[in-house]
Protein backbone atom coordinates (compact mmCIF):
# COMPACT_ATOMS: atom_id res chain seq x y z
CA MET A 1 28.42 -4.00 12.91
CA LYS A 2 25.98 -6.69 13.99
CA LYS A 3 23.80 -6.63 10.89
CA THR A 4 24.25 -5.00 7.51
CA VAL A 5 21.57 -3.32 5.46
CA LYS A 6 21.95 -6.07 2.90
CA GLN A 7 21.18 -8.67 5.59
CA MET A 8 18.19 -6.65 6.81
CA VAL A 9 16.76 -6.40 3.28
CA LYS A 10 17.28 -10.13 2.70
CA GLU A 11 15.50 -10.97 5.97
CA ALA A 12 12.66 -8.56 5.17
CA ASN A 13 12.23 -10.10 1.73
CA GLY A 14 11.82 -13.48 3.42
CA ARG A 15 8.82 -12.17 5.38
CA ILE A 16 7.01 -10.08 2.79
CA GLU A 17 5.35 -10.43 -0.60
CA THR A 18 7.39 -9.17 -3.53
CA LEU A 19 5.70 -8.42 -6.85
CA SER A 20 7.57 -9.00 -10.07
CA ILE A 21 7.59 -6.00 -12.36
CA GLU A 22 5.15 -7.82 -14.65
CA ASP A 23 2.69 -8.35 -11.79
CA ALA A 24 3.13 -4.73 -10.67
CA LEU A 25 2.38 -3.44 -14.16
CA ALA A 26 -0.73 -5.65 -14.29
CA ALA A 27 -1.90 -4.35 -10.87
CA HIS A 28 -1.38 -0.69 -11.74
CA GLY A 29 -4.64 1.19 -12.12
CA GLN A 30 -6.79 -1.48 -10.52
CA GLU A 31 -9.43 -0.01 -8.24
CA ASN A 32 -8.52 -2.24 -5.29
CA THR A 33 -4.79 -1.42 -5.45
CA CYS A 34 -2.93 1.57 -4.05
CA PHE A 35 0.63 2.23 -5.20
CA VAL A 36 2.73 3.93 -2.52
CA ASP A 37 5.90 5.77 -3.51
CA ILE A 38 8.25 6.09 -0.52
CA ARG A 39 11.05 7.87 -2.37
CA ASP A 40 12.34 11.25 -1.30
CA VAL A 41 10.63 14.26 -2.88
CA ARG A 42 13.85 15.11 -4.76
CA GLU A 43 13.72 11.69 -6.44
CA LEU A 44 10.14 12.35 -7.53
CA GLU A 45 11.09 15.71 -9.02
CA ARG A 46 14.14 14.28 -10.78
CA GLU A 47 12.75 10.96 -12.05
CA GLY A 48 8.98 11.45 -12.28
CA VAL A 49 6.16 9.51 -10.63
CA VAL A 50 3.93 6.52 -11.28
CA PRO A 51 0.49 7.91 -12.22
CA GLY A 52 -2.01 7.51 -9.39
CA ALA A 53 0.58 6.55 -6.76
CA ILE A 54 0.40 8.30 -3.41
CA HIS A 55 3.59 9.72 -1.96
CA ALA A 56 4.42 8.61 1.57
CA PRO A 57 8.00 9.62 2.33
CA ARG A 58 9.90 6.90 4.16
CA GLY A 59 10.52 9.17 7.15
CA MET A 60 6.79 9.61 7.81
CA LEU A 61 5.43 6.23 6.74
CA GLU A 62 4.96 4.61 10.16
CA PHE A 63 3.28 7.76 11.48
CA TRP A 64 0.89 7.87 8.53
CA VAL A 65 0.02 4.17 8.78
CA ASP A 66 -0.62 4.09 12.56
CA PRO A 67 -4.31 4.93 13.22
CA GLU A 68 -3.38 6.17 16.71
CA SER A 69 -0.80 8.63 15.40
CA PRO A 70 -1.77 12.31 15.13
CA TYR A 71 -0.32 12.12 11.59
CA HIS A 72 -2.44 9.16 10.44
CA ARG A 73 -3.59 9.27 6.82
CA GLU A 74 -6.96 7.77 5.93
CA GLU A 75 -5.56 6.27 2.74
CA PHE A 76 -3.95 3.59 4.91
CA ALA A 77 -7.25 2.69 6.61
CA SER A 78 -8.73 1.24 3.42
CA ASP A 79 -8.92 -2.42 2.53
CA LYS A 80 -6.93 -1.92 -0.69
CA LYS A 81 -3.77 -3.81 -1.53
CA PHE A 82 -0.80 -1.52 -0.92
CA VAL A 83 2.10 -1.79 -3.36
CA PHE A 84 5.17 -0.01 -1.98
CA PHE A 85 8.14 1.01 -4.08
CA CYS A 86 11.33 3.04 -3.82
CA ALA A 87 14.14 3.50 -6.32
CA ALA A 88 15.60 -0.03 -6.28
CA GLY A 89 13.52 -2.14 -3.87
CA TRP A 90 15.64 -1.97 -0.71
CA ARG A 91 13.85 0.79 1.19
CA SER A 92 10.48 -0.55 0.09
CA ALA A 93 11.36 -4.05 1.36
CA LEU A 94 12.21 -2.63 4.78
CA ALA A 95 9.15 -0.36 4.75
CA THR A 96 6.83 -3.21 3.73
CA ASP A 97 8.23 -5.40 6.50
CA THR A 98 7.80 -2.61 9.05
CA VAL A 99 4.19 -1.72 8.22
CA GLN A 100 3.31 -5.40 8.01
CA SER A 101 4.66 -5.84 11.55
CA MET A 102 2.50 -2.86 12.58
CA GLY A 103 -0.59 -4.75 11.38
CA LEU A 104 -1.14 -3.30 7.90
CA GLU A 105 -2.41 -6.23 5.90
CA ASN A 106 -2.40 -6.81 2.17
CA VAL A 107 0.90 -5.04 1.57
CA CYS A 108 3.76 -5.89 -0.79
CA HIS A 109 6.54 -4.20 -2.71
CA ILE A 110 7.91 -4.10 -6.25
CA GLU A 111 11.07 -6.06 -6.98
CA GLY A 112 13.58 -3.60 -8.40
CA GLY A 113 11.46 -0.57 -7.50
CA PHE A 114 11.03 2.47 -9.71
CA GLY A 115 14.17 1.56 -11.63
CA ALA A 116 12.58 -1.70 -12.77
CA TRP A 117 9.34 0.17 -13.52
CA LYS A 118 11.22 2.59 -15.80
CA LYS A 119 13.17 -0.21 -17.48
CA ALA A 120 9.90 -2.05 -18.20
CA GLU A 121 8.50 1.18 -19.67
CA GLY A 122 5.74 1.47 -17.09
CA PRO A 123 3.80 4.73 -17.23
CA ILE A 124 5.60 7.71 -15.70
CA GLU A 125 4.55 11.31 -15.47
CA GLU A 126 6.17 14.50 -14.28
CA ARG A 127 5.54 15.31 -10.63
CA LYS A 128 2.93 18.01 -10.26
CA SER A 129 4.25 20.78 -8.06
CA LYS A 130 2.42 21.46 -4.81
CA LYS A 131 0.85 24.89 -4.47
CA SER A 132 1.68 26.71 -1.24
């Protein structure tokens, strides 16, 4: 193996902004900030969600961010600060690095992810089920 995931995450963290859990808690709910949960839907159902966060599953993220993609989501065309998070901060580091390289500006991720959020007793609510 030429490069491990651990190496990739370390390199990504060297190129991106990482918010401490304290800074993430302070940013939550601010009008100019958009929290982006990239965890799998099963994680959301099992663990709960950060109130107000949008869900952008990791497998679709690049397609939703790219304005030329047929799957583009308008949420990513705003001038808000995007705060990405996953369960522990590894996937969100890679995702933040990727969308930053695509040209999405003002993006960062939460050190320790949702696990750190829970440990710090950040607000969590049950995931609302989607109606078919």
